[in-house]
Amino acid sequence: MNFTRAAQVLSCALGFLSSHAQAASYPERPVSLSVPYGAGGSTDGIAREFANLLGQELKQTVVVLNQPGASGTLQLGNLARAKPDGYTIGFYSYSTATFTSQLMKVSYKRDDFTLLGGVAEFSYGIVAAPDSPINNVKDLVAQSRTPKGVFYGVTGAPNNFPFLQLQKLTGGKYDQVTYKSSAESIMAVVGRQVDVALQGPSEYAELVKAGKLKFISSASDFRLPWFPNVPTIKEQGYDIGITGIIGVAVPKGIPDDARKTLEAAIHKVVSSKQYKDFLANAYGMKNYPANSIEFSKLIDKGFGVMGDMIKTYDIKN
């Protein structure tokens, strides 16, 4: 009888230890990282390096899944519906979450996600074809007031913000052409399918150097390091500027051990010199090592900021 009782106690103890070991072993298999744009663009390039470094921290493969469509909302909708087990994570764009979701009907809400931390802060600029009459923002506004107007290529918000704001401020005509990747929008300018495009500098720096495009303005609040002689939109007379933030989110309800492991790994990667140098050298961007609390505050505040912008500029989808 004593032997049987001892065996039962030992069995329970072993069961507890086994369960504890299993819980502490996250991740036990590859993790998927969803991205809202197609392969070949800057977001995709950042995602692949980030996934590589994150995989090293987690000691598991992190697989990038490109899910373009619906101005970035398709990917977030899929992420919200994913199993909350820590094995499906995704890029979470400030503009898509706080701006686009207030312009169009989406299948998710803010509370469907747990935010894990920041990843990158984008920089932006506007390019035109080398033989285009648009050489600066003044020329851009002038063409927008002609019957032809301006056709601009973007992947969605926040790249379209300056054009929406210019239209409201100047009364010009700006027609948006939306592409699945930033690379596609840039090649549309090269092919004269649109007049201008607004993207990150890594998408067009080599094309500008080769004389296949010209850089007409920084759309950020600072001159881009790769084009220090070209003024910002603000310096050219219009109080407009954008900065895009992207972070990582998971479906709400993932286990605490998985959440804590991911938060720590993400922050370590984004704070590292290797990742910071990669962003600066490859894309002319900044790392954004905000923790989960800081990133969540930014997003929550952003809903009000973007809501006011939509009303102020009477922005329609």
Protein backbone atom coordinates (compact mmCIF):
# COMPACT_ATOMS: atom_id res chain seq x y z
CA MET A 1 0.00 0.00 0.00
CA ASN A 2 2.82 2.37 0.86
CA PHE A 3 4.62 1.40 -2.33
CA THR A 4 1.50 2.16 -4.40
CA ARG A 5 1.07 5.53 -2.71
CA ALA A 6 4.70 6.42 -3.29
CA ALA A 7 4.39 5.48 -6.95
CA GLN A 8 1.34 7.73 -7.32
CA VAL A 9 3.17 10.66 -5.76
CA LEU A 10 6.20 10.08 -7.98
CA SER A 11 3.99 9.84 -11.07
CA CYS A 12 2.28 13.16 -10.25
CA ALA A 13 5.62 14.82 -9.63
CA LEU A 14 7.03 13.58 -12.91
CA GLY A 15 3.87 14.72 -14.69
CA PHE A 16 4.21 18.19 -13.21
CA LEU A 17 7.88 18.41 -14.15
CA SER A 18 7.15 17.21 -17.66
CA SER A 19 4.36 19.76 -18.09
CA HIS A 20 6.58 22.53 -16.72
CA ALA A 21 9.43 21.57 -19.04
CA GLN A 22 7.07 21.54 -22.01
CA ALA A 23 5.73 25.01 -21.17
CA ALA A 24 9.23 26.40 -20.76
CA SER A 25 10.43 24.99 -24.08
CA TYR A 26 8.68 27.54 -26.32
CA PRO A 27 9.26 27.69 -29.23
CA GLU A 28 9.32 24.00 -30.15
CA ARG A 29 8.78 24.52 -33.89
CA PRO A 30 9.21 27.25 -36.55
CA VAL A 31 7.43 30.58 -36.08
CA SER A 32 5.63 32.40 -38.93
CA LEU A 33 6.02 36.16 -39.41
CA SER A 34 3.36 37.70 -41.69
CA VAL A 35 4.13 40.85 -43.69
CA PRO A 36 1.50 43.16 -45.27
CA TYR A 37 3.31 43.74 -48.58
CA GLY A 38 4.73 41.64 -51.40
CA ALA A 39 8.24 40.31 -51.86
CA GLY A 40 10.95 42.64 -53.14
CA GLY A 41 10.13 45.84 -51.27
CA SER A 42 11.79 47.45 -48.26
CA THR A 43 9.28 46.04 -45.77
CA ASP A 44 9.95 42.56 -47.10
CA GLY A 45 13.71 43.09 -46.91
CA ILE A 46 13.49 44.33 -43.33
CA ALA A 47 11.24 41.42 -42.41
CA ARG A 48 13.72 38.85 -43.73
CA GLU A 49 16.68 40.23 -41.81
CA PHE A 50 14.55 40.69 -38.70
CA ALA A 51 13.26 37.11 -39.02
CA ASN A 52 16.80 35.80 -39.41
CA LEU A 53 18.02 37.57 -36.26
CA LEU A 54 14.87 36.73 -34.30
CA GLY A 55 15.29 33.08 -35.27
CA GLN A 56 18.80 33.13 -33.84
CA GLU A 57 17.45 34.47 -30.54
CA LEU A 58 14.58 31.97 -30.40
CA LYS A 59 16.77 29.12 -31.68
CA GLN A 60 14.05 28.31 -34.19
CA THR A 61 13.40 29.20 -37.82
CA VAL A 62 11.20 32.26 -38.37
CA VAL A 63 9.45 32.02 -41.74
CA VAL A 64 8.33 35.20 -43.56
CA LEU A 65 4.85 35.04 -45.09
CA ASN A 66 4.00 37.83 -47.58
CA GLN A 67 0.28 38.65 -47.46
CA PRO A 68 -0.31 41.75 -49.62
CA GLY A 69 -3.75 43.16 -50.32
CA ALA A 70 -6.46 45.54 -49.13
CA SER A 71 -3.96 48.31 -48.22
CA GLY A 72 -2.30 46.14 -45.59
CA THR A 73 -5.53 45.13 -43.84
CA LEU A 74 -5.63 41.61 -45.33
CA GLN A 75 -2.55 40.61 -43.36
CA LEU A 76 -3.86 42.07 -40.10
CA GLY A 77 -7.20 40.32 -40.61
CA ASN A 78 -5.41 36.99 -41.06
CA LEU A 79 -3.26 37.67 -38.01
CA ALA A 80 -6.28 38.45 -35.84
CA ARG A 81 -7.86 35.11 -36.80
CA ALA A 82 -4.70 33.05 -36.30
CA LYS A 83 -4.37 30.56 -33.46
CA PRO A 84 -3.07 32.42 -30.38
CA ASP A 85 -0.29 29.97 -29.61
CA GLY A 86 2.77 32.16 -30.23
CA TYR A 87 3.66 30.49 -33.52
CA THR A 88 2.02 33.13 -35.71
CA ILE A 89 3.30 36.68 -35.31
CA GLY A 90 3.05 39.59 -37.72
CA PHE A 91 4.25 43.06 -38.57
CA TYR A 92 1.85 45.67 -37.22
CA SER A 93 1.86 48.99 -39.07
CA TYR A 94 0.95 52.19 -37.25
CA SER A 95 -0.73 53.67 -40.31
CA THR A 96 -2.67 50.54 -41.27
CA ALA A 97 -3.88 50.04 -37.72
CA THR A 98 -4.76 53.63 -36.83
CA PHE A 99 -5.55 55.24 -40.18
CA THR A 100 -6.67 52.69 -42.76
CA SER A 101 -8.88 50.85 -40.26
CA GLN A 102 -10.88 54.07 -39.77
CA LEU A 103 -11.29 54.59 -43.52
CA MET A 104 -12.52 51.18 -44.55
CA LYS A 105 -14.43 48.30 -43.04
CA VAL A 106 -12.02 45.76 -41.57
CA SER A 107 -12.52 42.35 -39.99
CA TYR A 108 -10.64 43.12 -36.79
CA LYS A 109 -10.38 45.63 -33.95
CA ARG A 110 -7.57 46.92 -31.74
CA ASP A 111 -8.41 44.49 -28.93
CA ASP A 112 -7.84 41.50 -31.20
CA PHE A 113 -4.08 41.97 -30.88
CA THR A 114 -1.36 41.95 -28.26
CA LEU A 115 1.49 44.26 -29.27
CA LEU A 116 5.00 43.00 -28.55
CA GLY A 117 7.26 45.94 -29.47
CA GLY A 118 8.64 48.19 -32.18
CA VAL A 119 10.75 47.21 -35.19
CA ALA A 120 11.57 50.15 -37.48
CA GLU A 121 10.93 53.83 -38.23
CA PHE A 122 10.65 54.51 -41.94
CA SER A 123 11.86 57.53 -43.90
CA TYR A 124 10.24 58.71 -47.12
CA GLY A 125 10.87 60.71 -50.28
CA ILE A 126 9.22 61.57 -53.59
CA VAL A 127 10.67 60.68 -56.98
CA ALA A 128 9.73 61.51 -60.57
CA ALA A 129 10.96 60.51 -64.02
CA PRO A 130 14.13 62.35 -65.11
CA ASP A 131 12.37 64.16 -67.97
CA SER A 132 9.29 65.04 -65.89
CA PRO A 133 8.39 68.74 -65.54
CA ILE A 134 8.05 68.04 -61.79
CA ASN A 135 11.36 69.03 -60.18
CA ASN A 136 10.15 70.05 -56.73
CA VAL A 137 6.99 70.39 -54.63
CA LYS A 138 6.11 73.70 -56.29
CA ASP A 139 6.07 71.96 -59.68
CA LEU A 140 4.07 69.09 -58.21
CA VAL A 141 1.38 71.47 -56.98
CA ALA A 142 1.39 73.35 -60.30
CA GLN A 143 0.72 70.16 -62.28
CA SER A 144 -2.00 69.11 -59.85
CA ARG A 145 -3.89 72.25 -60.86
CA THR A 146 -3.88 71.36 -64.54
CA PRO A 147 -6.58 69.20 -66.19
CA LYS A 148 -4.13 66.26 -66.21
CA GLY A 149 -3.54 66.42 -62.47
CA VAL A 150 -1.01 64.17 -60.74
CA PHE A 151 -1.05 60.39 -60.69
CA TYR A 152 0.95 59.07 -57.74
CA GLY A 153 1.97 55.51 -56.92
CA VAL A 154 1.95 54.23 -53.33
CA THR A 155 1.37 51.04 -51.37
CA GLY A 156 -1.20 52.76 -49.15
CA ALA A 157 -1.00 54.76 -45.94
CA PRO A 158 1.06 56.57 -44.74
CA ASN A 159 2.71 57.05 -48.15
CA ASN A 160 -0.40 58.74 -49.46
CA PHE A 161 -0.71 61.25 -46.59
CA PRO A 162 1.26 64.10 -48.23
CA PHE A 163 -0.79 63.90 -51.41
CA LEU A 164 -4.08 63.83 -49.49
CA GLN A 165 -2.92 66.84 -47.49
CA LEU A 166 -1.68 68.73 -50.55
CA GLN A 167 -4.98 68.14 -52.27
CA LYS A 168 -6.83 69.63 -49.31
CA LEU A 169 -4.43 72.55 -48.91
CA THR A 170 -4.00 73.50 -52.57
CA GLY A 171 -7.16 72.33 -54.28
CA GLY A 172 -5.22 70.28 -56.81
CA LYS A 173 -6.14 66.97 -58.39
CA TYR A 174 -4.24 63.93 -57.10
CA ASP A 175 -5.17 60.42 -58.25
CA GLN A 176 -3.86 57.47 -56.26
CA VAL A 177 -2.65 54.25 -57.88
CA THR A 178 -2.10 51.55 -55.26
CA TYR A 179 0.54 48.84 -55.72
CA LYS A 180 1.19 45.63 -53.80
CA SER A 181 4.85 46.46 -53.18
CA SER A 182 6.98 49.58 -52.98
CA ALA A 183 9.22 48.22 -55.75
CA GLU A 184 6.24 48.05 -58.10
CA SER A 185 5.28 51.66 -57.41
CA ILE A 186 8.82 52.84 -58.16
CA MET A 187 8.99 50.91 -61.42
CA ALA A 188 5.66 52.49 -62.37
CA VAL A 189 7.40 55.90 -62.30
CA VAL A 190 10.29 54.56 -64.39
CA GLY A 191 7.73 53.22 -66.88
CA ARG A 192 5.80 56.53 -66.91
CA GLN A 193 2.64 54.84 -65.63
CA VAL A 194 2.41 57.39 -62.80
CA ASP A 195 3.94 60.84 -62.38
CA VAL A 196 5.52 60.37 -58.95
CA ALA A 197 5.86 57.82 -56.17
CA LEU A 198 6.54 58.14 -52.46
CA GLN A 199 8.61 55.40 -50.84
CA GLY A 200 11.69 54.72 -48.73
CA PRO A 201 15.05 55.76 -50.19
CA SER A 202 16.41 52.25 -50.64
CA GLU A 203 13.79 51.67 -53.34
CA TYR A 204 15.14 54.32 -55.68
CA ALA A 205 18.59 55.48 -54.56
CA GLU A 206 20.43 53.45 -57.21
CA LEU A 207 17.93 54.48 -59.89
CA VAL A 208 18.49 58.14 -59.00
CA LYS A 209 22.26 57.65 -59.18
CA ALA A 210 21.82 55.99 -62.59
CA GLY A 211 19.75 58.91 -63.91
CA LYS A 212 16.58 56.84 -64.30
CA LEU A 213 14.73 58.83 -61.62
CA LYS A 214 15.10 62.15 -59.84
CA PHE A 215 14.56 62.87 -56.17
CA ILE A 216 12.36 65.93 -55.68
CA SER A 217 11.68 66.05 -51.93
CA SER A 218 12.05 64.37 -48.59
CA ALA A 219 8.61 63.54 -47.20
CA SER A 220 9.95 63.01 -43.69
CA ASP A 221 10.57 65.76 -41.14
CA PHE A 222 14.28 65.65 -41.95
CA ARG A 223 16.44 65.62 -45.07
CA LEU A 224 17.34 62.09 -46.03
CA PRO A 225 21.00 61.20 -45.40
CA TRP A 226 21.36 59.83 -48.91
CA PHE A 227 20.00 63.08 -50.44
CA PRO A 228 21.19 65.85 -48.08
CA ASN A 229 20.89 68.63 -50.68
CA VAL A 230 17.19 68.06 -51.39
CA PRO A 231 14.78 69.95 -49.03
CA THR A 232 11.84 68.47 -47.18
CA ILE A 233 8.24 69.25 -48.10
CA LYS A 234 8.14 71.59 -45.10
CA GLU A 235 11.24 73.41 -46.31
CA GLN A 236 9.54 73.80 -49.68
CA GLY A 237 6.61 75.66 -48.18
CA TYR A 238 4.04 73.11 -46.97
CA ASP A 239 3.73 72.00 -43.35
CA ILE A 240 3.55 68.30 -44.21
CA GLY A 241 5.71 65.40 -43.14
CA ILE A 242 5.33 61.73 -42.29
CA THR A 243 7.12 59.06 -40.33
CA GLY A 244 5.97 55.45 -40.45
CA ILE A 245 6.35 53.08 -37.52
CA ILE A 246 6.11 49.31 -37.68
CA GLY A 247 6.13 46.79 -34.85
CA VAL A 248 5.16 43.22 -34.08
CA ALA A 249 1.82 41.87 -32.86
CA VAL A 250 0.21 38.53 -32.11
CA PRO A 251 -3.40 37.39 -31.81
CA LYS A 252 -4.74 38.19 -28.37
CA GLY A 253 -4.57 35.35 -25.88
CA ILE A 254 -1.18 33.76 -26.46
CA PRO A 255 0.37 31.98 -23.44
CA ASP A 256 2.33 34.23 -21.08
CA ASP A 257 5.55 32.25 -21.53
CA ALA A 258 5.41 32.67 -25.30
CA ARG A 259 4.59 36.37 -25.00
CA LYS A 260 7.44 37.06 -22.59
CA THR A 261 9.92 35.07 -24.69
CA LEU A 262 8.91 36.90 -27.86
CA GLU A 263 8.96 40.35 -26.23
CA ALA A 264 12.46 39.81 -24.87
CA ALA A 265 13.79 38.39 -28.14
CA ILE A 266 12.26 41.15 -30.27
CA HIS A 267 13.64 43.92 -28.06
CA LYS A 268 17.10 42.35 -28.06
CA VAL A 269 17.14 42.08 -31.86
CA VAL A 270 15.84 45.59 -32.52
CA SER A 271 18.23 47.12 -29.96
CA SER A 272 21.27 45.36 -31.41
CA LYS A 273 23.97 47.23 -33.30
CA GLN A 274 23.83 44.65 -36.08
CA TYR A 275 20.16 45.33 -36.79
CA LYS A 276 20.52 49.10 -36.35
CA ASP A 277 23.40 49.21 -38.82
CA PHE A 278 21.51 47.00 -41.25
CA LEU A 279 18.54 49.38 -41.36
CA ALA A 280 20.72 52.47 -41.75
CA ASN A 281 23.02 51.05 -44.42
CA ALA A 282 20.53 49.04 -46.45
CA TYR A 283 17.42 51.21 -46.21
CA GLY A 284 18.31 54.59 -44.73
CA MET A 285 15.95 53.89 -41.83
CA LYS A 286 16.07 53.89 -38.04
CA ASN A 287 15.51 51.07 -35.60
CA TYR A 288 12.57 51.53 -33.24
CA PRO A 289 13.30 49.57 -30.03
CA ALA A 290 10.08 50.45 -28.19
CA ASN A 291 8.91 47.84 -25.70
CA SER A 292 5.38 46.46 -25.70
CA ILE A 293 4.03 49.15 -23.35
CA GLU A 294 5.59 52.03 -25.31
CA PHE A 295 4.44 50.66 -28.66
CA SER A 296 0.91 50.09 -27.34
CA LYS A 297 0.70 53.69 -26.08
CA LEU A 298 1.82 54.98 -29.49
CA ILE A 299 -0.83 52.93 -31.28
CA ASP A 300 -3.64 53.81 -28.87
CA LYS A 301 -2.85 57.52 -29.16
CA GLY A 302 -2.62 57.15 -32.92
CA PHE A 303 -6.31 56.33 -33.31
CA GLY A 304 -7.23 59.80 -32.10
CA VAL A 305 -4.51 61.52 -34.13
CA MET A 306 -5.50 59.78 -37.35
CA GLY A 307 -9.19 60.24 -36.66
CA ASP A 308 -8.64 64.00 -36.41
CA MET A 309 -6.61 63.95 -39.62
CA ILE A 310 -9.39 62.15 -41.49
CA LYS A 311 -11.90 64.76 -40.36
CA THR A 312 -9.60 67.76 -40.96
CA TYR A 313 -8.73 66.75 -44.52
CA ASP A 314 -12.09 65.09 -45.28
CA ILE A 315 -10.25 61.96 -46.36
CA LYS A 316 -12.34 59.34 -48.12
CA ASN A 317 -11.40 55.75 -48.89
